Amino acid sequence: MNWTLVLVGFALAVLMGAALASLLITIRPQWSPRRRRLTAASALPLITVLATVAGVLFIRNSRHGAGDTMEDLAIRAVLTLGGGFVLLAFVGGLIGATLAGRRLEK
């Protein structure tokens, strides 16, 4: 796998976390800063989890002619990559939301 994909994914997660944190400050000012940060940081991982589950369901339900071991291997690969990107998206979103919250609350 190309490391550029990981760096671009992290950068997009930081930007999305910052954008959602800024949006939540204007939409939900009554929420605590911690709640806004966690909500902003968890949006992209939720989308990634849904995409990973959709990928696993697609592999499980498709007729591909491969053996059971290859199907299990493909499912494990999708779960491993999806889980890694979920973690990457949460950490990046949390960093972006924290930086945006610090900038906007001062």
Protein backbone atom coordinates (compact mmCIF):
# COMPACT_ATOMS: atom_id res chain seq x y z
CA MET A 1 0.00 0.00 0.00
CA ASN A 2 1.19 3.45 -0.83
CA TRP A 3 2.00 5.65 2.21
CA THR A 4 0.69 8.67 0.36
CA LEU A 5 -2.81 7.27 0.80
CA VAL A 6 -2.33 7.17 4.57
CA LEU A 7 -1.02 10.74 4.68
CA VAL A 8 -3.87 12.04 2.51
CA GLY A 9 -6.40 10.18 4.68
CA PHE A 10 -4.93 11.71 7.83
CA ALA A 11 -4.92 15.21 6.32
CA LEU A 12 -8.54 14.85 5.22
CA ALA A 13 -9.51 13.63 8.68
CA VAL A 14 -7.85 16.65 10.30
CA LEU A 15 -9.62 19.02 7.91
CA MET A 16 -13.00 17.35 8.37
CA GLY A 17 -12.64 17.37 12.16
CA ALA A 18 -11.77 21.06 12.12
CA ALA A 19 -14.64 21.90 9.78
CA LEU A 20 -17.20 19.97 11.80
CA ALA A 21 -15.96 21.47 15.06
CA SER A 22 -16.38 24.96 13.58
CA LEU A 23 -19.84 24.07 12.35
CA LEU A 24 -20.87 22.63 15.71
CA ILE A 25 -19.74 25.77 17.54
CA THR A 26 -22.23 27.79 15.52
CA ILE A 27 -25.04 25.20 15.47
CA ARG A 28 -24.79 23.86 19.04
CA PRO A 29 -23.21 26.55 21.26
CA GLN A 30 -24.87 25.04 24.35
CA TRP A 31 -22.81 21.84 24.05
CA SER A 32 -19.61 21.56 26.03
CA PRO A 33 -16.34 21.88 24.09
CA ARG A 34 -15.52 18.25 24.85
CA ARG A 35 -18.82 17.01 23.43
CA ARG A 36 -18.37 19.11 20.27
CA ARG A 37 -14.83 17.78 19.83
CA LEU A 38 -15.85 14.14 20.19
CA THR A 39 -18.87 14.57 17.92
CA ALA A 40 -16.76 16.24 15.23
CA ALA A 41 -14.03 13.60 15.55
CA SER A 42 -16.45 10.66 15.31
CA ALA A 43 -18.24 11.63 12.08
CA LEU A 44 -15.62 10.40 9.61
CA PRO A 45 -14.89 7.15 11.51
CA LEU A 46 -18.61 6.38 11.44
CA ILE A 47 -18.65 6.80 7.66
CA THR A 48 -15.56 4.60 7.40
CA VAL A 49 -17.14 1.88 9.55
CA LEU A 50 -20.23 1.91 7.32
CA ALA A 51 -18.06 1.64 4.19
CA THR A 52 -16.10 -1.25 5.74
CA VAL A 53 -19.29 -3.12 6.64
CA ALA A 54 -20.60 -2.53 3.11
CA GLY A 55 -17.36 -3.93 1.68
CA VAL A 56 -17.54 -7.04 3.88
CA LEU A 57 -21.18 -7.60 2.93
CA PHE A 58 -20.32 -7.20 -0.75
CA ILE A 59 -17.54 -9.80 -0.48
CA ARG A 60 -19.73 -12.17 1.51
CA ASN A 61 -22.73 -11.98 -0.84
CA SER A 62 -21.00 -11.91 -4.23
CA ARG A 63 -20.46 -14.92 -6.46
CA HIS A 64 -16.78 -14.71 -7.26
CA GLY A 65 -15.81 -18.35 -7.75
CA ALA A 66 -13.00 -18.26 -5.21
CA GLY A 67 -12.67 -20.74 -2.39
CA ASP A 68 -13.74 -20.14 1.17
CA THR A 69 -10.19 -19.44 2.26
CA MET A 70 -9.80 -16.65 -0.28
CA GLU A 71 -13.12 -15.13 0.79
CA ASP A 72 -12.02 -15.22 4.43
CA LEU A 73 -8.69 -13.66 3.47
CA ALA A 74 -10.44 -10.85 1.56
CA ILE A 75 -12.78 -10.17 4.47
CA ARG A 76 -9.88 -10.05 6.92
CA ALA A 77 -7.98 -7.69 4.64
CA VAL A 78 -10.98 -5.34 4.33
CA LEU A 79 -11.55 -5.43 8.10
CA THR A 80 -7.87 -4.76 8.83
CA LEU A 81 -7.60 -1.84 6.41
CA GLY A 82 -11.00 -0.47 7.43
CA GLY A 83 -10.13 -0.68 11.12
CA GLY A 84 -6.82 1.06 10.53
CA PHE A 85 -8.49 3.88 8.65
CA VAL A 86 -11.18 4.19 11.34
CA LEU A 87 -8.45 4.69 13.93
CA LEU A 88 -6.58 7.09 11.65
CA ALA A 89 -9.76 9.08 10.97
CA PHE A 90 -10.63 9.34 14.66
CA VAL A 91 -7.17 10.51 15.69
CA GLY A 92 -6.96 12.97 12.79
CA GLY A 93 -10.47 14.27 13.43
CA LEU A 94 -9.72 14.70 17.12
CA ILE A 95 -6.56 16.67 16.34
CA GLY A 96 -8.41 18.87 13.84
CA ALA A 97 -11.36 19.45 16.19
CA THR A 98 -9.04 20.31 19.06
CA LEU A 99 -7.07 22.80 16.99
CA ALA A 100 -10.22 24.41 15.61
CA GLY A 101 -11.79 24.60 19.06
CA ARG A 102 -8.73 26.27 20.51
CA ARG A 103 -8.65 28.83 17.73
CA LEU A 104 -12.37 29.67 17.85
CA GLU A 105 -12.90 29.74 21.62
CA LYS A 106 -10.22 32.34 22.29
